[in-house]
Amino acid sequence: MIIPQDDLIGHQLPHSFAYTGTSDPTWMERLWYSAHPVPGGDVILNIGCGYHPNRNVFDAHAGITVGNQQHNLRFSQRLGADPLTATIGPLRFQVLEGLRRHRLVLEPNEAGLSFDVEFSSVLNPHEENRHTVRRNLRLQHDITRYQQSGRYSGWVQLHEKRYDLTANAWWGQRDHSWGLRRELRTDPAHPPMSEYPPHLFTWLVAQFDDCALHLFMQESEPGRPLYLSGELVFKQDLPRDGQWAIKNVEHDLRWANDPHGQTVESGTLTVTFANGQSRKFTLRALPARYFLKGGMYGGYRGWFQGDDKGPYHFEHDVWDLSNAATRLEARTLGDSVFEFSDGKRNGYGIFEWWVLKGYPKYEDVQKFPAP
């Protein structure tokens, strides 16, 4: 099947852009964005979409947390004659200038959330090390992903409340991934649940005025990473020579007494780079937090990313995050806004984590629910 994208140069396989190079149903491509005010605040905007060509599905989410209320919108549709058009219902994603400017639009709808925002960046993206996992001789996970930090401008409307976003006051990040992706299943009402060995999972983007720190690490015990990818990136007109790639991370995280889930309050990261330099970063949690289960991460009440929900499906809800039952249901991964400091200046960004039982550090927090 020939589609409009086939008029563009860039084919890498001898067939149309409508098809992938594998028939594996777990092949997917995902875009994700988050925006939040700085230097603080209790608001975070979270948007994402998933392209699942071997399942004939395109799905997406949009949401915002304000204080203790998290508003979620979830969308799904079957792919049409132009499967790579990133529009679903009232939500659309546009690349205005590659690695520079993206536009995200949500038209007015029954959920009461709408927006027209633009992401812009002058910083290099961080391309993660290719993440490949085999289990029982099967290729289970094989992902290419990059992240980029930047600023947001435009507006967001939530019922009667309007937020005007300006680049100096709203910072954020985005990522783009594609490949075979193992399912994260954390919906207890719909087993089987995902099983992982004891480990610590950390993912963060910390943006400063002229650079950004990226880190993705999973380790079985301190100093023994199962996967480590990270870098300090600078402005796009500066050369990249690999000297700021992360080679080692020492961490000391302090946890809240939160019986409904694992919550980091503060901590330190000592990062060693390929050039031999080490830098110590302190981190402090800010109020804003968006739980990704609102976008079907891990599955929500039987809906998992990539599920066929028919020609078009839309649902929305509002979560009270001060409610214990809601927190227990929403607890998979959360995009939490943090302030970071390198001792000279402050930066802002997103931190995600979990600790699974048996990891030989942070034993006290392992009594609290994790994915």
Protein backbone atom coordinates (compact mmCIF):
# COMPACT_ATOMS: atom_id res chain seq x y z
CA MET A 1 0.00 0.00 0.00
CA ILE A 2 1.42 3.36 -1.06
CA ILE A 3 0.72 6.26 1.32
CA PRO A 4 1.52 10.01 1.18
CA GLN A 5 4.74 9.55 3.17
CA ASP A 6 6.09 7.46 0.30
CA ASP A 7 6.59 10.69 -1.66
CA LEU A 8 9.31 11.56 0.86
CA ILE A 9 12.92 10.42 0.69
CA GLY A 10 14.10 8.19 3.53
CA HIS A 11 12.95 4.63 2.81
CA GLN A 12 15.24 2.04 4.41
CA LEU A 13 13.45 -1.15 3.39
CA PRO A 14 12.10 -2.23 -0.04
CA HIS A 15 8.46 -1.55 0.81
CA SER A 16 6.13 1.30 1.67
CA PHE A 17 6.33 3.44 4.81
CA ALA A 18 2.99 1.82 5.69
CA TYR A 19 4.81 -1.33 6.82
CA THR A 20 7.50 -2.09 9.39
CA GLY A 21 10.50 -4.37 8.97
CA THR A 22 9.00 -6.95 11.36
CA SER A 23 5.59 -8.47 11.98
CA ASP A 24 6.14 -8.61 15.76
CA PRO A 25 3.01 -7.11 17.40
CA THR A 26 5.11 -5.40 20.07
CA TRP A 27 6.71 -3.08 17.49
CA MET A 28 5.65 0.47 18.26
CA GLU A 29 6.69 4.09 18.01
CA ARG A 30 5.96 6.59 20.78
CA LEU A 31 6.11 10.34 21.30
CA TRP A 32 5.96 11.88 24.78
CA TYR A 33 5.97 15.48 26.05
CA SER A 34 5.75 17.17 29.44
CA ALA A 35 5.69 20.83 30.45
CA HIS A 36 5.69 22.54 33.84
CA PRO A 37 6.18 26.05 35.25
CA VAL A 38 9.48 27.05 36.85
CA PRO A 39 10.85 27.66 39.40
CA GLY A 40 7.93 25.83 41.03
CA GLY A 41 4.23 25.17 40.99
CA ASP A 42 1.73 22.36 41.25
CA VAL A 43 0.92 22.02 37.53
CA ILE A 44 2.27 19.57 34.94
CA LEU A 45 1.02 18.93 31.40
CA ASN A 46 1.63 15.45 29.97
CA ILE A 47 0.96 14.33 26.37
CA GLY A 48 1.86 11.25 24.33
CA CYS A 49 0.93 8.98 21.45
CA GLY A 50 1.71 5.47 20.26
CA TYR A 51 1.83 4.10 16.71
CA HIS A 52 1.25 0.31 16.62
CA PRO A 53 1.24 -0.64 12.91
CA ASN A 54 1.22 -4.42 13.43
CA ARG A 55 -1.88 -4.05 15.61
CA ASN A 56 -3.52 -1.51 13.30
CA VAL A 57 -3.82 0.92 16.23
CA PHE A 58 -2.90 4.53 16.97
CA ASP A 59 -3.51 5.66 20.56
CA ALA A 60 -2.74 8.74 22.62
CA HIS A 61 -3.27 10.51 25.89
CA ALA A 62 -3.32 14.07 27.17
CA GLY A 63 -3.51 15.11 30.80
CA ILE A 64 -2.79 17.74 33.36
CA THR A 65 -2.31 17.66 37.10
CA VAL A 66 -3.30 20.75 39.08
CA GLY A 67 -2.74 20.35 42.81
CA ASN A 68 -4.32 17.04 43.83
CA GLN A 69 -6.45 16.65 40.70
CA GLN A 70 -5.17 14.73 37.70
CA HIS A 71 -7.24 15.10 34.51
CA ASN A 72 -6.81 12.30 31.95
CA LEU A 73 -7.93 11.94 28.34
CA ARG A 74 -7.33 8.66 26.47
CA PHE A 75 -7.81 8.07 22.75
CA SER A 76 -7.61 5.10 20.39
CA GLN A 77 -8.37 4.56 16.71
CA ARG A 78 -7.61 2.13 13.94
CA LEU A 79 -5.10 3.15 11.31
CA GLY A 80 -6.53 4.54 8.07
CA ALA A 81 -5.19 5.09 4.59
CA ASP A 82 -2.65 7.59 5.93
CA PRO A 83 -1.42 5.75 9.04
CA LEU A 84 1.48 8.06 9.88
CA THR A 85 -0.67 11.19 10.25
CA ALA A 86 -0.40 11.90 13.98
CA THR A 87 -3.97 13.09 14.55
CA ILE A 88 -6.54 11.36 16.70
CA GLY A 89 -9.91 12.94 17.43
CA PRO A 90 -9.28 16.49 18.67
CA LEU A 91 -5.57 15.85 19.38
CA ARG A 92 -2.77 16.35 16.86
CA PHE A 93 1.02 16.30 16.84
CA GLN A 94 3.04 18.36 14.34
CA VAL A 95 6.79 18.53 13.72
CA LEU A 96 7.36 22.11 12.56
CA GLU A 97 11.16 21.88 12.43
CA GLY A 98 13.05 18.68 13.19
CA LEU A 99 14.81 18.70 16.60
CA ARG A 100 13.74 22.33 17.04
CA ARG A 101 10.00 22.98 17.11
CA HIS A 102 6.93 20.80 17.64
CA ARG A 103 3.29 21.88 17.93
CA LEU A 104 0.69 20.07 20.05
CA VAL A 105 -2.99 20.94 19.70
CA LEU A 106 -6.03 19.66 21.59
CA GLU A 107 -9.27 21.16 20.30
CA PRO A 108 -12.12 21.90 22.77
CA ASN A 109 -13.86 18.71 23.87
CA GLU A 110 -16.20 17.33 26.52
CA ALA A 111 -13.39 16.76 29.04
CA GLY A 112 -12.82 20.51 29.42
CA LEU A 113 -9.09 20.42 28.60
CA SER A 114 -7.73 22.07 25.44
CA PHE A 115 -4.40 23.56 24.41
CA ASP A 116 -2.23 24.89 21.61
CA VAL A 117 1.41 24.72 22.68
CA GLU A 118 4.77 24.71 20.96
CA PHE A 119 7.89 22.93 22.16
CA SER A 120 11.16 24.59 21.16
CA SER A 121 14.75 23.68 21.93
CA VAL A 122 18.25 24.96 21.22
CA LEU A 123 19.89 22.02 23.03
CA ASN A 124 21.17 18.81 21.49
CA PRO A 125 19.06 15.69 22.01
CA HIS A 126 20.45 12.75 23.94
CA GLU A 127 20.39 9.49 21.97
CA GLU A 128 20.19 6.62 24.43
CA ASN A 129 22.34 3.55 24.01
CA ARG A 130 20.33 0.97 22.12
CA HIS A 131 18.38 -0.98 24.73
CA THR A 132 18.17 -4.68 23.88
CA VAL A 133 16.83 -7.40 26.19
CA ARG A 134 16.57 -11.13 25.44
CA ARG A 135 14.65 -13.53 27.64
CA ASN A 136 14.56 -17.30 27.10
CA LEU A 137 16.33 -16.75 23.75
CA ARG A 138 13.55 -14.42 22.56
CA LEU A 139 14.24 -10.82 21.59
CA GLN A 140 11.87 -9.14 24.03
CA HIS A 141 12.92 -5.49 23.93
CA ASP A 142 14.90 -3.63 21.27
CA ILE A 143 14.41 0.13 21.45
CA THR A 144 16.01 3.24 20.01
CA ARG A 145 15.11 6.39 21.95
CA TYR A 146 16.21 9.99 22.31
CA GLN A 147 15.17 12.81 24.60
CA GLN A 148 15.39 16.56 24.31
CA SER A 149 14.74 19.34 26.79
CA GLY A 150 13.30 22.71 25.87
CA ARG A 151 10.74 25.42 26.53
CA TYR A 152 7.00 25.62 25.93
CA SER A 153 4.86 28.50 24.75
CA GLY A 154 1.17 28.89 23.92
CA TRP A 155 -1.88 28.33 26.09
CA VAL A 156 -3.73 25.65 28.05
CA GLN A 157 -7.40 25.87 29.00
CA LEU A 158 -8.84 23.72 31.81
CA HIS A 159 -12.54 24.54 32.17
CA GLU A 160 -12.59 28.22 33.23
CA LYS A 161 -8.87 28.37 34.06
CA ARG A 162 -6.43 29.52 31.37
CA TYR A 163 -2.64 29.14 31.54
CA ASP A 164 -0.52 31.31 29.26
CA LEU A 165 2.78 29.55 28.61
CA THR A 166 5.92 31.58 27.96
CA ALA A 167 9.34 30.14 27.17
CA ASN A 168 11.03 31.69 30.19
CA ALA A 169 8.42 30.38 32.63
CA TRP A 170 7.46 26.94 31.23
CA TRP A 171 10.21 24.35 30.78
CA GLY A 172 9.91 20.73 29.80
CA GLN A 173 11.11 17.76 27.80
CA ARG A 174 10.09 15.27 25.18
CA ASP A 175 11.18 11.87 23.94
CA HIS A 176 10.76 9.71 20.84
CA SER A 177 11.23 5.94 20.78
CA TRP A 178 10.68 3.09 18.34
CA GLY A 179 11.26 -0.64 18.13
CA LEU A 180 10.17 -3.78 19.96
CA ARG A 181 8.90 -2.82 23.42
CA ARG A 182 8.10 -5.30 26.16
CA GLU A 183 4.79 -4.64 27.82
CA LEU A 184 4.66 -3.09 31.25
CA ARG A 185 1.62 -4.72 32.89
CA THR A 186 0.77 -3.37 36.33
CA ASP A 187 -3.03 -3.65 36.24
CA PRO A 188 -3.87 -6.15 39.01
CA ALA A 189 -7.40 -6.59 37.69
CA HIS A 190 -6.05 -8.01 34.43
CA PRO A 191 -3.18 -10.47 34.96
CA PRO A 192 -0.61 -11.61 34.13
CA MET A 193 1.47 -8.94 35.81
CA SER A 194 4.98 -8.07 34.59
CA GLU A 195 7.77 -9.74 36.56
CA TYR A 196 11.18 -8.15 37.04
CA PRO A 197 14.21 -9.12 39.11
CA PRO A 198 15.19 -6.91 42.08
CA HIS A 199 16.54 -3.63 40.76
CA LEU A 200 16.42 0.16 40.88
CA PHE A 201 14.95 2.06 37.91
CA THR A 202 15.80 5.75 37.45
CA TRP A 203 15.12 8.06 34.51
CA LEU A 204 15.55 11.82 34.54
CA VAL A 205 16.07 14.94 32.46
CA ALA A 206 17.44 18.01 34.27
CA GLN A 207 17.52 21.21 32.22
CA PHE A 208 19.75 24.17 33.01
CA ASP A 209 20.08 27.45 31.10
CA ASP A 210 22.74 26.19 28.68
CA CYS A 211 22.82 22.40 29.09
CA ALA A 212 20.80 19.39 30.21
CA LEU A 213 21.61 16.22 32.13
CA HIS A 214 20.03 13.01 30.84
CA LEU A 215 20.17 9.74 32.78
CA PHE A 216 18.52 6.34 32.34
CA MET A 217 19.80 3.62 34.67
CA GLN A 218 18.63 0.24 35.88
CA GLU A 219 20.88 -1.59 38.29
CA SER A 220 20.73 -4.86 40.21
CA GLU A 221 22.79 -3.40 43.04
CA PRO A 222 24.67 -0.13 43.57
CA GLY A 223 27.50 0.16 41.09
CA ARG A 224 26.30 -2.74 38.92
CA PRO A 225 24.05 -1.30 36.20
CA LEU A 226 21.94 -3.59 34.06
CA TYR A 227 21.59 -0.65 31.68
CA LEU A 228 23.17 2.80 31.77
CA SER A 229 22.77 5.61 29.28
CA GLY A 230 23.27 9.29 29.92
CA GLU A 231 24.99 12.45 28.85
CA LEU A 232 25.40 16.13 29.56
CA VAL A 233 24.24 17.89 26.37
CA PHE A 234 24.84 21.47 25.27
CA LYS A 235 23.60 23.89 22.63
CA GLN A 236 22.99 22.57 19.14
CA ASP A 237 25.73 24.68 17.52
CA LEU A 238 28.38 23.04 19.72
CA PRO A 239 30.18 19.86 18.59
CA ARG A 240 29.51 16.52 20.30
CA ASP A 241 32.55 14.34 20.96
CA GLY A 242 31.33 11.89 23.60
CA GLN A 243 33.42 13.30 26.45
CA TRP A 244 30.31 14.12 28.50
CA ALA A 245 28.79 10.62 28.28
CA ILE A 246 27.96 9.23 31.73
CA LYS A 247 30.18 6.35 32.87
CA ASN A 248 29.19 5.98 36.53
CA VAL A 249 26.50 7.20 38.95
CA GLU A 250 26.45 7.15 42.73
CA HIS A 251 23.10 7.95 44.31
CA ASP A 252 21.65 8.72 47.72
CA LEU A 253 17.87 9.13 47.58
CA ARG A 254 15.66 10.13 50.49
CA TRP A 255 12.09 8.86 50.53
CA ALA A 256 8.80 10.16 51.88
CA ASN A 257 6.73 8.15 54.32
CA ASP A 258 4.08 7.47 51.67
CA PRO A 259 2.18 4.20 52.22
CA HIS A 260 0.38 4.56 48.86
CA GLY A 261 3.51 4.41 46.73
CA GLN A 262 7.22 5.12 46.50
CA THR A 263 7.94 8.85 46.62
CA VAL A 264 11.38 10.49 46.44
CA GLU A 265 11.66 13.71 48.46
CA SER A 266 15.28 14.67 47.77
CA GLY A 267 18.73 13.24 47.21
CA THR A 268 22.10 13.52 45.54
CA LEU A 269 23.64 12.11 42.37
CA THR A 270 27.40 12.01 41.83
CA VAL A 271 27.97 11.58 38.12
CA THR A 272 31.28 10.65 36.48
CA PHE A 273 31.71 11.44 32.79
CA ALA A 274 33.89 9.96 30.06
CA ASN A 275 36.35 12.85 30.36
CA GLY A 276 37.05 11.87 33.98
CA GLN A 277 35.21 14.78 35.53
CA SER A 278 32.69 14.21 38.31
CA ARG A 279 29.82 16.49 39.29
CA LYS A 280 27.48 16.29 42.25
CA PHE A 281 23.83 17.17 41.71
CA THR A 282 21.32 17.68 44.50
CA LEU A 283 17.65 17.18 43.79
CA ARG A 284 14.46 18.29 45.49
CA ALA A 285 10.90 17.28 44.69
CA LEU A 286 8.43 19.98 43.66
CA PRO A 287 4.66 19.49 44.06
CA ALA A 288 3.68 18.61 40.48
CA ARG A 289 3.33 14.94 39.56
CA TYR A 290 1.53 13.14 36.73
CA PHE A 291 0.91 9.41 37.07
CA LEU A 292 1.43 7.75 33.69
CA LYS A 293 -1.26 5.14 34.23
CA GLY A 294 -3.57 7.97 33.13
CA GLY A 295 -2.07 7.35 29.67
CA MET A 296 -2.40 3.53 29.87
CA TYR A 297 1.23 2.97 30.93
CA GLY A 298 1.06 -0.40 32.65
CA GLY A 299 -2.60 -0.72 31.72
CA TYR A 300 -5.62 0.95 33.26
CA ARG A 301 -8.78 -1.04 34.01
CA GLY A 302 -8.08 -3.47 31.21
CA TRP A 303 -6.90 -0.98 28.58
CA PHE A 304 -3.27 -1.47 27.58
CA GLN A 305 -1.32 0.56 25.05
CA GLY A 306 -1.81 -0.90 21.58
CA ASP A 307 -5.18 -2.51 22.35
CA ASP A 308 -7.75 -2.37 19.56
CA LYS A 309 -10.66 -0.34 20.95
CA GLY A 310 -12.52 -0.11 17.65
CA PRO A 311 -12.63 2.53 14.89
CA TYR A 312 -12.48 5.37 17.45
CA HIS A 313 -12.63 5.39 21.23
CA PHE A 314 -12.34 8.24 23.73
CA GLU A 315 -12.67 8.36 27.48
CA HIS A 316 -11.73 10.81 30.21
CA ASP A 317 -11.70 11.02 33.99
CA VAL A 318 -10.46 13.09 36.90
CA TRP A 319 -8.44 11.53 39.72
CA ASP A 320 -8.31 12.82 43.26
CA LEU A 321 -4.69 12.14 44.19
CA SER A 322 -5.43 12.75 47.87
CA ASN A 323 -7.64 9.65 47.82
CA ALA A 324 -5.84 6.51 49.02
CA ALA A 325 -7.69 4.16 46.66
CA THR A 326 -6.88 6.36 43.67
CA ARG A 327 -3.19 6.51 44.56
CA LEU A 328 -2.98 2.73 44.88
CA GLU A 329 -4.55 2.30 41.44
CA ALA A 330 -2.48 5.05 39.79
CA ARG A 331 0.89 4.13 41.21
CA THR A 332 2.79 2.74 38.20
CA LEU A 333 5.26 5.38 37.04
CA GLY A 334 4.96 9.09 37.67
CA ASP A 335 6.52 12.09 35.99
CA SER A 336 7.56 14.12 39.02
CA VAL A 337 8.90 17.66 38.68
CA PHE A 338 12.22 18.24 40.45
CA GLU A 339 14.62 21.08 41.08
CA PHE A 340 18.26 20.15 40.45
CA SER A 341 21.38 22.00 41.53
CA ASP A 342 25.02 21.53 40.54
CA GLY A 343 26.17 23.79 43.38
CA LYS A 344 26.26 26.90 41.22
CA ARG A 345 22.82 27.10 39.64
CA ASN A 346 19.43 25.47 39.57
CA GLY A 347 17.79 23.44 36.84
CA TYR A 348 14.39 21.82 36.46
CA GLY A 349 13.05 18.65 34.96
CA ILE A 350 11.43 15.24 35.38
CA PHE A 351 12.42 12.27 37.54
CA GLU A 352 10.93 8.75 37.36
CA TRP A 353 11.82 5.78 39.58
CA TRP A 354 10.91 2.50 41.18
CA VAL A 355 12.62 0.10 43.60
CA LEU A 356 11.74 -3.60 43.53
CA LYS A 357 11.97 -5.84 46.58
CA GLY A 358 15.38 -7.41 47.04
CA TYR A 359 17.42 -4.48 45.76
CA PRO A 360 20.18 -4.12 48.39
CA LYS A 361 19.59 -0.43 49.13
CA TYR A 362 16.60 1.68 50.15
CA GLU A 363 15.12 -1.30 51.97
CA ASP A 364 12.70 0.81 54.02
CA VAL A 365 10.88 2.12 50.96
CA GLN A 366 10.45 -1.37 49.50
CA LYS A 367 7.54 -1.95 51.88
CA PHE A 368 5.58 0.62 49.88
CA PRO A 369 3.87 -0.36 46.60
CA ALA A 370 5.98 -0.34 43.46
CA PRO A 371 4.98 -1.36 39.90
